[in-house]
Amino acid sequence: QALAGAQALLVTGESGGGKSSLLAAWERGLRERGDGRTFVFSHYFGATPDSAQALPAVRRLLLALQRHFGISQDIRQRSDGLLKTLPDWLARTGGQGQVVLVLDALDRLAGAPEDLRLAWLPRHLPPQVRVLCSALPGPALEAWRGRAWPELELRRPEPREREAMIATFLGHFRKTLPAALLRRLATSPQAGNP
């Protein structure tokens, strides 16, 4: 719902506030509801030492697009070639379904200043492309804001909201807690981190 009508959305909020979990849940939902025409690509920057660089992530995306959409063109090896290829290949997917890019922790990007400022991510997206990202403050967030793309601030839930989340979770297993225990659990400091 948060992405309705928008091609790009950045989730912001405190560190440990659930941004990565939210993106992972959106990704899982997209894959589960997949109609066979939706291509979902995810990359979690900084999850491993090699994953923090933008150009290997772009190369990985191009390989995935090549496989999924049957693009026969070779992937250029030089970084400037990769950056020119990505917008072209995203445009080529038009009429073949939706493309969703899930890019977590843009703030963990490493490399050249232009990579940190998202020079590798096309400013203009074809109509079938959606981009879901997360970031903490830093060059990537500033660059995102410079593009005037929408943001969703994920705030920490209040105790009443935590109670509702706990009750819903337990309800999936047909379990409940007495009201006093539920309140105690929801107001504990550890419950503030989803």
N, C-alpha and C. Protein backbone atom coordinates (compact mmCIF):
# COMPACT_ATOMS: atom_id res chain seq x y z
N GLN A 1 0.82 -1.20 0.00
CA GLN A 1 0.00 0.00 0.00
C GLN A 1 0.86 1.26 0.00
N ALA A 2 2.00 1.19 0.70
CA ALA A 2 2.85 2.38 0.80
C ALA A 2 3.43 2.76 -0.56
N LEU A 3 3.55 1.79 -1.45
CA LEU A 3 4.14 2.06 -2.76
C LEU A 3 3.07 2.39 -3.81
N ALA A 4 1.81 2.28 -3.44
CA ALA A 4 0.74 2.52 -4.39
C ALA A 4 0.92 3.86 -5.10
N GLY A 5 1.02 3.81 -6.41
CA GLY A 5 1.14 5.01 -7.21
C GLY A 5 2.56 5.54 -7.32
N ALA A 6 3.48 5.06 -6.52
CA ALA A 6 4.87 5.53 -6.57
C ALA A 6 5.74 4.47 -7.22
N GLN A 7 6.75 4.91 -7.92
CA GLN A 7 7.69 3.97 -8.52
C GLN A 7 8.84 3.65 -7.60
N ALA A 8 9.11 4.54 -6.66
CA ALA A 8 10.22 4.34 -5.76
C ALA A 8 9.79 4.75 -4.36
N LEU A 9 10.30 4.01 -3.38
CA LEU A 9 9.98 4.32 -1.99
C LEU A 9 11.19 3.96 -1.13
N LEU A 10 11.56 4.87 -0.26
CA LEU A 10 12.66 4.65 0.67
C LEU A 10 12.10 4.60 2.08
N VAL A 11 12.43 3.54 2.80
CA VAL A 11 12.02 3.41 4.20
C VAL A 11 13.15 3.93 5.07
N THR A 12 12.82 4.87 5.94
CA THR A 12 13.80 5.44 6.87
C THR A 12 13.33 5.17 8.29
N GLY A 13 14.18 5.44 9.24
CA GLY A 13 13.84 5.25 10.64
C GLY A 13 15.09 4.92 11.42
N GLU A 14 14.91 4.75 12.72
CA GLU A 14 16.03 4.46 13.60
C GLU A 14 16.70 3.14 13.24
N SER A 15 17.98 3.05 13.55
CA SER A 15 18.69 1.79 13.39
C SER A 15 18.04 0.74 14.29
N GLY A 16 17.82 -0.43 13.75
CA GLY A 16 17.17 -1.49 14.52
C GLY A 16 15.67 -1.36 14.61
N GLY A 17 15.09 -0.44 13.85
CA GLY A 17 13.66 -0.18 13.93
C GLY A 17 12.79 -1.05 13.05
N GLY A 18 13.38 -1.97 12.29
CA GLY A 18 12.57 -2.90 11.50
C GLY A 18 12.53 -2.63 10.00
N LYS A 19 13.38 -1.75 9.51
CA LYS A 19 13.37 -1.44 8.06
C LYS A 19 13.69 -2.66 7.22
N SER A 20 14.75 -3.37 7.58
CA SER A 20 15.13 -4.56 6.82
C SER A 20 14.06 -5.64 6.90
N SER A 21 13.48 -5.80 8.07
CA SER A 21 12.41 -6.78 8.24
C SER A 21 11.21 -6.43 7.37
N LEU A 22 10.88 -5.15 7.33
CA LEU A 22 9.75 -4.71 6.50
C LEU A 22 10.03 -4.98 5.02
N LEU A 23 11.22 -4.64 4.55
CA LEU A 23 11.56 -4.90 3.15
C LEU A 23 11.53 -6.39 2.86
N ALA A 24 12.05 -7.20 3.78
CA ALA A 24 12.05 -8.66 3.58
C ALA A 24 10.61 -9.19 3.53
N ALA A 25 9.73 -8.65 4.35
CA ALA A 25 8.32 -9.08 4.33
C ALA A 25 7.65 -8.66 3.03
N TRP A 26 7.93 -7.43 2.55
CA TRP A 26 7.38 -7.00 1.26
C TRP A 26 7.87 -7.91 0.15
N GLU A 27 9.18 -8.21 0.17
CA GLU A 27 9.75 -9.07 -0.86
C GLU A 27 9.09 -10.45 -0.83
N ARG A 28 8.98 -11.03 0.35
CA ARG A 28 8.35 -12.35 0.50
C ARG A 28 6.92 -12.32 -0.03
N GLY A 29 6.17 -11.27 0.32
CA GLY A 29 4.80 -11.14 -0.16
C GLY A 29 4.72 -11.03 -1.67
N LEU A 30 5.63 -10.27 -2.26
CA LEU A 30 5.65 -10.15 -3.72
C LEU A 30 5.92 -11.50 -4.38
N ARG A 31 6.86 -12.24 -3.82
CA ARG A 31 7.20 -13.55 -4.39
C ARG A 31 6.06 -14.55 -4.21
N GLU A 32 5.41 -14.51 -3.05
CA GLU A 32 4.31 -15.44 -2.78
C GLU A 32 3.10 -15.15 -3.64
N ARG A 33 2.83 -13.87 -3.88
CA ARG A 33 1.68 -13.50 -4.71
C ARG A 33 2.05 -13.44 -6.18
N GLY A 34 3.28 -13.80 -6.47
CA GLY A 34 3.78 -13.68 -7.84
C GLY A 34 2.87 -14.32 -8.86
N ASP A 35 2.70 -13.61 -9.94
CA ASP A 35 1.85 -14.09 -11.02
C ASP A 35 2.68 -14.64 -12.17
N GLY A 36 3.97 -14.82 -11.93
CA GLY A 36 4.86 -15.28 -12.99
C GLY A 36 5.35 -14.16 -13.89
N ARG A 37 4.76 -12.99 -13.75
CA ARG A 37 5.15 -11.85 -14.58
C ARG A 37 5.86 -10.78 -13.77
N THR A 38 6.02 -11.03 -12.48
CA THR A 38 6.71 -10.05 -11.64
C THR A 38 8.11 -10.58 -11.33
N PHE A 39 9.09 -9.80 -11.71
CA PHE A 39 10.49 -10.13 -11.45
C PHE A 39 10.92 -9.36 -10.21
N VAL A 40 11.39 -10.07 -9.20
CA VAL A 40 11.82 -9.44 -7.95
C VAL A 40 13.31 -9.68 -7.77
N PHE A 41 14.05 -8.60 -7.60
CA PHE A 41 15.49 -8.67 -7.35
C PHE A 41 15.77 -8.01 -6.02
N SER A 42 16.53 -8.69 -5.16
CA SER A 42 16.87 -8.08 -3.87
C SER A 42 18.37 -8.07 -3.67
N HIS A 43 18.81 -7.03 -2.99
CA HIS A 43 20.22 -6.92 -2.62
C HIS A 43 20.29 -6.22 -1.27
N TYR A 44 21.05 -6.82 -0.36
CA TYR A 44 21.20 -6.29 0.98
C TYR A 44 22.63 -5.78 1.13
N PHE A 45 22.81 -4.48 0.94
CA PHE A 45 24.14 -3.87 1.01
C PHE A 45 24.74 -4.06 2.39
N GLY A 46 25.99 -4.51 2.41
CA GLY A 46 26.70 -4.68 3.66
C GLY A 46 26.41 -5.97 4.38
N ALA A 47 25.56 -6.84 3.83
CA ALA A 47 25.26 -8.12 4.48
C ALA A 47 26.51 -9.00 4.53
N THR A 48 27.36 -8.87 3.52
CA THR A 48 28.65 -9.55 3.48
C THR A 48 29.67 -8.49 3.04
N PRO A 49 30.96 -8.75 3.24
CA PRO A 49 31.96 -7.75 2.81
C PRO A 49 31.86 -7.42 1.31
N ASP A 50 31.56 -8.40 0.47
CA ASP A 50 31.48 -8.16 -0.97
C ASP A 50 30.19 -7.46 -1.40
N SER A 51 29.19 -7.44 -0.55
CA SER A 51 27.89 -6.91 -0.96
C SER A 51 27.76 -5.40 -0.81
N ALA A 52 28.78 -4.74 -0.30
CA ALA A 52 28.68 -3.31 -0.04
C ALA A 52 28.98 -2.45 -1.27
N GLN A 53 29.54 -3.03 -2.31
CA GLN A 53 29.90 -2.29 -3.52
C GLN A 53 28.73 -2.21 -4.48
N ALA A 54 28.52 -1.05 -5.09
CA ALA A 54 27.39 -0.86 -6.01
C ALA A 54 27.58 -1.61 -7.32
N LEU A 55 28.76 -1.55 -7.91
CA LEU A 55 28.94 -2.14 -9.24
C LEU A 55 28.76 -3.65 -9.27
N PRO A 56 29.26 -4.42 -8.30
CA PRO A 56 28.93 -5.85 -8.30
C PRO A 56 27.43 -6.11 -8.16
N ALA A 57 26.74 -5.26 -7.40
CA ALA A 57 25.28 -5.40 -7.27
C ALA A 57 24.60 -5.13 -8.61
N VAL A 58 25.05 -4.11 -9.33
CA VAL A 58 24.49 -3.81 -10.66
C VAL A 58 24.77 -4.96 -11.61
N ARG A 59 25.98 -5.51 -11.58
CA ARG A 59 26.32 -6.65 -12.44
C ARG A 59 25.42 -7.85 -12.12
N ARG A 60 25.20 -8.10 -10.84
CA ARG A 60 24.32 -9.20 -10.42
C ARG A 60 22.89 -8.97 -10.91
N LEU A 61 22.42 -7.72 -10.83
CA LEU A 61 21.09 -7.38 -11.33
C LEU A 61 21.01 -7.61 -12.83
N LEU A 62 22.02 -7.17 -13.57
CA LEU A 62 22.02 -7.36 -15.02
C LEU A 62 22.00 -8.85 -15.38
N LEU A 63 22.75 -9.66 -14.67
CA LEU A 63 22.74 -11.11 -14.92
C LEU A 63 21.35 -11.70 -14.66
N ALA A 64 20.71 -11.24 -13.60
CA ALA A 64 19.36 -11.73 -13.28
C ALA A 64 18.35 -11.29 -14.34
N LEU A 65 18.46 -10.03 -14.79
CA LEU A 65 17.57 -9.55 -15.87
C LEU A 65 17.81 -10.35 -17.14
N GLN A 66 19.06 -10.61 -17.44
CA GLN A 66 19.43 -11.35 -18.64
C GLN A 66 18.78 -12.74 -18.63
N ARG A 67 18.90 -13.43 -17.50
CA ARG A 67 18.31 -14.77 -17.37
C ARG A 67 16.79 -14.73 -17.45
N HIS A 68 16.18 -13.84 -16.66
CA HIS A 68 14.72 -13.83 -16.55
C HIS A 68 14.03 -13.38 -17.84
N PHE A 69 14.59 -12.36 -18.48
CA PHE A 69 13.93 -11.78 -19.66
C PHE A 69 14.55 -12.23 -20.97
N GLY A 70 15.51 -13.13 -20.93
CA GLY A 70 16.11 -13.65 -22.15
C GLY A 70 16.86 -12.61 -22.96
N ILE A 71 17.52 -11.69 -22.30
CA ILE A 71 18.30 -10.66 -22.99
C ILE A 71 19.61 -11.31 -23.46
N SER A 72 19.86 -11.25 -24.76
CA SER A 72 21.02 -11.96 -25.31
C SER A 72 22.29 -11.11 -25.36
N GLN A 73 22.16 -9.82 -25.17
CA GLN A 73 23.33 -8.93 -25.22
C GLN A 73 24.29 -9.25 -24.09
N ASP A 74 25.60 -9.15 -24.37
CA ASP A 74 26.61 -9.37 -23.34
C ASP A 74 26.63 -8.21 -22.35
N ILE A 75 27.01 -8.53 -21.14
CA ILE A 75 27.15 -7.50 -20.11
C ILE A 75 28.52 -6.86 -20.26
N ARG A 76 28.53 -5.56 -20.33
CA ARG A 76 29.79 -4.84 -20.43
C ARG A 76 30.58 -4.99 -19.14
N GLN A 77 31.88 -5.10 -19.27
CA GLN A 77 32.73 -5.34 -18.11
C GLN A 77 33.12 -4.05 -17.39
N ARG A 78 33.31 -2.97 -18.13
CA ARG A 78 33.74 -1.72 -17.50
C ARG A 78 32.59 -1.08 -16.74
N SER A 79 32.93 -0.37 -15.67
CA SER A 79 31.89 0.21 -14.82
C SER A 79 31.02 1.21 -15.57
N ASP A 80 31.61 2.04 -16.45
CA ASP A 80 30.79 3.00 -17.19
C ASP A 80 29.83 2.28 -18.13
N GLY A 81 30.25 1.11 -18.64
CA GLY A 81 29.37 0.31 -19.49
C GLY A 81 28.19 -0.26 -18.71
N LEU A 82 28.46 -0.71 -17.49
CA LEU A 82 27.39 -1.24 -16.64
C LEU A 82 26.34 -0.17 -16.36
N LEU A 83 26.81 1.03 -16.07
CA LEU A 83 25.89 2.11 -15.73
C LEU A 83 25.05 2.54 -16.92
N LYS A 84 25.58 2.39 -18.13
CA LYS A 84 24.80 2.70 -19.33
C LYS A 84 23.85 1.57 -19.68
N THR A 85 24.25 0.34 -19.35
CA THR A 85 23.44 -0.83 -19.69
C THR A 85 22.19 -0.93 -18.83
N LEU A 86 22.29 -0.63 -17.53
CA LEU A 86 21.15 -0.83 -16.62
C LEU A 86 19.88 -0.11 -17.06
N PRO A 87 19.89 1.19 -17.36
CA PRO A 87 18.63 1.83 -17.77
C PRO A 87 18.07 1.23 -19.06
N ASP A 88 18.95 0.87 -19.97
CA ASP A 88 18.52 0.27 -21.23
C ASP A 88 17.83 -1.07 -21.00
N TRP A 89 18.44 -1.90 -20.18
CA TRP A 89 17.87 -3.22 -19.93
C TRP A 89 16.57 -3.14 -19.12
N LEU A 90 16.49 -2.20 -18.19
CA LEU A 90 15.23 -2.02 -17.47
C LEU A 90 14.13 -1.61 -18.45
N ALA A 91 14.46 -0.76 -19.40
CA ALA A 91 13.48 -0.34 -20.41
C ALA A 91 13.04 -1.52 -21.28
N ARG A 92 13.95 -2.42 -21.56
CA ARG A 92 13.64 -3.59 -22.40
C ARG A 92 12.61 -4.52 -21.77
N THR A 93 12.43 -4.45 -20.48
CA THR A 93 11.50 -5.35 -19.80
C THR A 93 10.04 -4.89 -19.95
N GLY A 94 9.83 -3.73 -20.54
CA GLY A 94 8.48 -3.20 -20.74
C GLY A 94 7.60 -4.20 -21.48
N GLY A 95 6.38 -4.35 -21.01
CA GLY A 95 5.43 -5.26 -21.64
C GLY A 95 5.63 -6.71 -21.24
N GLN A 96 6.61 -6.98 -20.40
CA GLN A 96 6.88 -8.36 -19.99
C GLN A 96 6.60 -8.60 -18.51
N GLY A 97 5.96 -7.67 -17.87
CA GLY A 97 5.66 -7.81 -16.46
C GLY A 97 6.30 -6.70 -15.65
N GLN A 98 6.11 -6.79 -14.37
CA GLN A 98 6.63 -5.77 -13.46
C GLN A 98 8.02 -6.17 -12.96
N VAL A 99 8.87 -5.18 -12.74
CA VAL A 99 10.21 -5.37 -12.19
C VAL A 99 10.25 -4.65 -10.85
N VAL A 100 10.60 -5.38 -9.79
CA VAL A 100 10.68 -4.80 -8.46
C VAL A 100 12.10 -5.01 -7.93
N LEU A 101 12.75 -3.90 -7.60
CA LEU A 101 14.10 -3.94 -7.04
C LEU A 101 14.00 -3.62 -5.55
N VAL A 102 14.45 -4.55 -4.71
CA VAL A 102 14.45 -4.36 -3.27
C VAL A 102 15.90 -4.18 -2.85
N LEU A 103 16.25 -2.98 -2.40
CA LEU A 103 17.64 -2.62 -2.09
C LEU A 103 17.71 -2.15 -0.65
N ASP A 104 18.25 -2.98 0.20
CA ASP A 104 18.26 -2.68 1.63
C ASP A 104 19.60 -2.08 2.05
N ALA A 105 19.54 -1.15 2.97
CA ALA A 105 20.71 -0.55 3.62
C ALA A 105 21.60 0.22 2.65
N LEU A 106 21.00 1.13 1.91
CA LEU A 106 21.77 1.97 0.99
C LEU A 106 22.87 2.74 1.73
N ASP A 107 22.67 2.98 3.01
CA ASP A 107 23.68 3.70 3.81
C ASP A 107 24.95 2.87 4.00
N ARG A 108 24.90 1.58 3.74
CA ARG A 108 26.07 0.72 3.89
C ARG A 108 26.88 0.58 2.60
N LEU A 109 26.48 1.32 1.58
CA LEU A 109 27.26 1.32 0.34
C LEU A 109 28.69 1.76 0.62
N ALA A 110 29.61 1.13 -0.07
CA ALA A 110 31.02 1.52 0.03
C ALA A 110 31.53 1.77 -1.38
N GLY A 111 32.57 2.56 -1.48
CA GLY A 111 33.16 2.81 -2.78
C GLY A 111 33.31 4.28 -3.08
N ALA A 112 33.28 4.58 -4.36
CA ALA A 112 33.48 5.95 -4.83
C ALA A 112 32.33 6.85 -4.37
N PRO A 113 32.61 8.14 -4.19
CA PRO A 113 31.55 9.07 -3.76
C PRO A 113 30.31 9.03 -4.65
N GLU A 114 30.49 8.88 -5.97
CA GLU A 114 29.32 8.85 -6.85
C GLU A 114 28.48 7.60 -6.62
N ASP A 115 29.12 6.49 -6.22
CA ASP A 115 28.35 5.28 -5.89
C ASP A 115 27.52 5.50 -4.63
N LEU A 116 28.12 6.16 -3.64
CA LEU A 116 27.42 6.45 -2.39
C LEU A 116 26.23 7.37 -2.63
N ARG A 117 26.33 8.20 -3.67
CA ARG A 117 25.26 9.15 -4.00
C ARG A 117 24.31 8.59 -5.06
N LEU A 118 24.34 7.28 -5.24
CA LEU A 118 23.37 6.55 -6.09
C LEU A 118 23.48 6.85 -7.58
N ALA A 119 24.65 7.21 -8.07
CA ALA A 119 24.83 7.48 -9.50
C ALA A 119 24.51 6.25 -10.34
N TRP A 120 24.62 5.07 -9.78
CA TRP A 120 24.38 3.80 -10.47
C TRP A 120 22.88 3.49 -10.60
N LEU A 121 22.05 4.13 -9.79
CA LEU A 121 20.60 3.88 -9.82
C LEU A 121 19.95 4.90 -10.76
N PRO A 122 19.33 4.43 -11.84
CA PRO A 122 18.75 5.38 -12.81
C PRO A 122 17.78 6.35 -12.16
N ARG A 123 17.88 7.61 -12.57
CA ARG A 123 16.97 8.64 -12.06
C ARG A 123 15.57 8.50 -12.63
N HIS A 124 15.50 8.04 -13.87
CA HIS A 124 14.22 7.88 -14.54
C HIS A 124 13.95 6.39 -14.73
N LEU A 125 12.84 5.95 -14.16
CA LEU A 125 12.50 4.54 -14.19
C LEU A 125 11.39 4.27 -15.19
N PRO A 126 11.50 3.19 -15.97
CA PRO A 126 10.40 2.82 -16.86
C PRO A 126 9.14 2.55 -16.03
N PRO A 127 7.96 2.66 -16.62
CA PRO A 127 6.71 2.54 -15.86
C PRO A 127 6.52 1.22 -15.13
N GLN A 128 7.12 0.15 -15.63
CA GLN A 128 6.94 -1.17 -15.03
C GLN A 128 7.93 -1.45 -13.89
N VAL A 129 8.82 -0.52 -13.60
CA VAL A 129 9.86 -0.73 -12.59
C VAL A 129 9.48 -0.04 -11.28
N ARG A 130 9.62 -0.78 -10.19
CA ARG A 130 9.42 -0.25 -8.84
C ARG A 130 10.70 -0.49 -8.05
N VAL A 131 11.04 0.45 -7.18
CA VAL A 131 12.24 0.34 -6.35
C VAL A 131 11.85 0.56 -4.90
N LEU A 132 12.15 -0.43 -4.06
CA LEU A 132 11.91 -0.34 -2.61
C LEU A 132 13.26 -0.37 -1.93
N CYS A 133 13.56 0.64 -1.12
CA CYS A 133 14.88 0.74 -0.48
C CYS A 133 14.73 1.12 0.98
N SER A 134 15.87 0.98 1.69
CA SER A 134 15.95 1.49 3.06
C SER A 134 17.30 2.16 3.23
N ALA A 135 17.36 3.11 4.15
CA ALA A 135 18.62 3.79 4.43
C ALA A 135 18.54 4.55 5.74
N LEU A 136 19.70 4.65 6.37
CA LEU A 136 19.90 5.54 7.50
C LEU A 136 20.48 6.84 6.93
N PRO A 137 20.62 7.88 7.75
CA PRO A 137 21.21 9.13 7.25
C PRO A 137 22.60 8.92 6.65
N GLY A 138 22.87 9.69 5.59
CA GLY A 138 24.16 9.62 4.92
C GLY A 138 24.03 10.07 3.48
N PRO A 139 25.07 9.88 2.67
CA PRO A 139 25.05 10.34 1.28
C PRO A 139 23.91 9.74 0.44
N ALA A 140 23.60 8.46 0.65
CA ALA A 140 22.53 7.84 -0.14
C ALA A 140 21.18 8.48 0.17
N LEU A 141 20.91 8.72 1.43
CA LEU A 141 19.66 9.36 1.82
C LEU A 141 19.57 10.78 1.25
N GLU A 142 20.66 11.50 1.31
CA GLU A 142 20.69 12.85 0.73
C GLU A 142 20.44 12.81 -0.78
N ALA A 143 21.07 11.85 -1.46
CA ALA A 143 20.87 11.72 -2.91
C ALA A 143 19.43 11.35 -3.22
N TRP A 144 18.83 10.47 -2.43
CA TRP A 144 17.43 10.08 -2.62
C TRP A 144 16.54 11.31 -2.51
N ARG A 145 16.77 12.07 -1.46
CA ARG A 145 15.97 13.28 -1.25
C ARG A 145 16.18 14.29 -2.37
N GLY A 146 17.38 14.34 -2.93
CA GLY A 146 17.66 15.22 -4.06
C GLY A 146 16.85 14.85 -5.29
N ARG A 147 16.43 13.60 -5.38
CA ARG A 147 15.60 13.16 -6.50
C ARG A 147 14.11 13.41 -6.23
N ALA A 148 13.80 13.84 -5.03
CA ALA A 148 12.42 14.09 -4.61
C ALA A 148 11.56 12.84 -4.72
N TRP A 149 12.15 11.69 -4.44
CA TRP A 149 11.41 10.43 -4.41
C TRP A 149 10.82 10.25 -3.01
N PRO A 150 9.69 9.56 -2.89
CA PRO A 150 9.01 9.48 -1.59
C PRO A 150 9.75 8.63 -0.56
N GLU A 151 9.46 8.97 0.69
CA GLU A 151 10.01 8.27 1.85
C GLU A 151 8.88 7.84 2.77
N LEU A 152 9.13 6.77 3.48
CA LEU A 152 8.22 6.31 4.53
C LEU A 152 9.04 6.17 5.80
N GLU A 153 8.73 6.98 6.80
CA GLU A 153 9.45 6.88 8.06
C GLU A 153 8.82 5.80 8.92
N LEU A 154 9.61 4.82 9.27
CA LEU A 154 9.15 3.73 10.12
C LEU A 154 9.47 4.11 11.56
N ARG A 155 8.47 4.43 12.31
CA ARG A 155 8.69 4.84 13.70
C ARG A 155 8.51 3.64 14.63
N ARG A 156 9.06 3.74 15.79
CA ARG A 156 8.93 2.67 16.79
C ARG A 156 7.48 2.61 17.26
N PRO A 157 6.94 1.41 17.42
CA PRO A 157 5.54 1.31 17.87
C PRO A 157 5.37 1.71 19.33
N GLU A 158 4.24 2.32 19.61
CA GLU A 158 3.86 2.68 20.98
C GLU A 158 3.42 1.41 21.71
N PRO A 159 3.40 1.44 23.05
CA PRO A 159 3.01 0.24 23.81
C PRO A 159 1.67 -0.37 23.39
N ARG A 160 0.67 0.47 23.12
CA ARG A 160 -0.64 -0.07 22.69
C ARG A 160 -0.51 -0.80 21.35
N GLU A 161 0.29 -0.24 20.44
CA GLU A 161 0.52 -0.89 19.15
C GLU A 161 1.27 -2.21 19.34
N ARG A 162 2.23 -2.21 20.26
CA ARG A 162 2.97 -3.44 20.56
C ARG A 162 2.03 -4.51 21.09
N GLU A 163 1.11 -4.11 21.99
CA GLU A 163 0.13 -5.07 22.52
C GLU A 163 -0.67 -5.70 21.39
N ALA A 164 -1.11 -4.87 20.46
CA ALA A 164 -1.89 -5.38 19.34
C ALA A 164 -1.06 -6.33 18.47
N MET A 165 0.22 -5.98 18.25
CA MET A 165 1.08 -6.85 17.44
C MET A 165 1.32 -8.19 18.13
N ILE A 166 1.54 -8.16 19.43
CA ILE A 166 1.77 -9.39 20.18
C ILE A 166 0.52 -10.25 20.17
N ALA A 167 -0.63 -9.63 20.41
CA ALA A 167 -1.89 -10.38 20.41
C ALA A 167 -2.16 -10.99 19.03
N THR A 168 -1.89 -10.24 17.98
CA THR A 168 -2.09 -10.77 16.62
C THR A 168 -1.17 -11.94 16.36
N PHE A 169 0.10 -11.80 16.74
CA PHE A 169 1.06 -12.88 16.55
C PHE A 169 0.61 -14.14 17.30
N LEU A 170 0.27 -13.98 18.56
CA LEU A 170 -0.18 -15.14 19.35
C LEU A 170 -1.47 -15.73 18.79
N GLY A 171 -2.33 -14.86 18.26
CA GLY A 171 -3.59 -15.32 17.68
C GLY A 171 -3.40 -16.27 16.51
N HIS A 172 -2.30 -16.11 15.78
CA HIS A 172 -2.01 -17.04 14.68
C HIS A 172 -1.85 -18.47 15.19
N PHE A 173 -1.50 -18.61 16.46
CA PHE A 173 -1.30 -19.93 17.06
C PHE A 173 -2.41 -20.27 18.05
N ARG A 174 -3.49 -19.46 17.99
CA ARG A 174 -4.65 -19.63 18.88
C ARG A 174 -4.24 -19.57 20.35
N LYS A 175 -3.35 -18.63 20.65
CA LYS A 175 -2.87 -18.42 22.01
C LYS A 175 -3.21 -17.00 22.46
N THR A 176 -3.32 -16.82 23.75
CA THR A 176 -3.55 -15.49 24.33
C THR A 176 -2.72 -15.35 25.61
N LEU A 177 -2.62 -14.14 26.07
CA LEU A 177 -1.97 -13.85 27.35
C LEU A 177 -2.93 -13.05 28.22
N PRO A 178 -2.84 -13.21 29.52
CA PRO A 178 -3.64 -12.35 30.40
C PRO A 178 -3.26 -10.88 30.14
N ALA A 179 -4.20 -9.98 30.31
CA ALA A 179 -4.00 -8.57 29.99
C ALA A 179 -2.78 -7.97 30.71
N ALA A 180 -2.59 -8.30 31.98
CA ALA A 180 -1.46 -7.74 32.73
C ALA A 180 -0.12 -8.21 32.16
N LEU A 181 -0.04 -9.47 31.78
CA LEU A 181 1.19 -10.00 31.21
C LEU A 181 1.45 -9.41 29.82
N LEU A 182 0.38 -9.27 29.04
CA LEU A 182 0.50 -8.66 27.72
C LEU A 182 1.02 -7.22 27.84
N ARG A 183 0.46 -6.46 28.79
CA ARG A 183 0.89 -5.08 29.01
C ARG A 183 2.35 -5.03 29.46
N ARG A 184 2.73 -5.94 30.36
CA ARG A 184 4.12 -5.98 30.86
C ARG A 184 5.09 -6.29 29.72
N LEU A 185 4.73 -7.23 28.89
CA LEU A 185 5.56 -7.59 27.75
C LEU A 185 5.67 -6.43 26.77
N ALA A 186 4.57 -5.77 26.48
CA ALA A 186 4.54 -4.68 25.49
C ALA A 186 5.29 -3.45 25.98
N THR A 187 5.40 -3.26 27.27
CA THR A 187 6.09 -2.07 27.77
C THR A 187 7.57 -2.33 28.11
N SER A 188 8.02 -3.55 27.95
CA SER A 188 9.44 -3.83 28.22
C SER A 188 10.29 -3.18 27.12
N PRO A 189 11.48 -2.68 27.46
CA PRO A 189 12.32 -2.01 26.47
C PRO A 189 12.64 -2.89 25.24
N GLN A 190 12.79 -4.19 25.46
CA GLN A 190 13.12 -5.09 24.34
C GLN A 190 11.99 -5.15 23.31
N ALA A 191 10.77 -4.89 23.72
CA ALA A 191 9.63 -4.97 22.79
C ALA A 191 9.57 -3.77 21.85
N GLY A 192 10.40 -2.76 22.10
CA GLY A 192 10.42 -1.58 21.24
C GLY A 192 11.09 -1.82 19.90
N ASN A 193 11.81 -2.92 19.76
CA ASN A 193 12.49 -3.25 18.51
C ASN A 193 11.75 -4.40 17.83
N PRO A 194 11.12 -4.10 16.69
CA PRO A 194 10.32 -5.14 16.04
C PRO A 194 11.18 -6.31 15.60
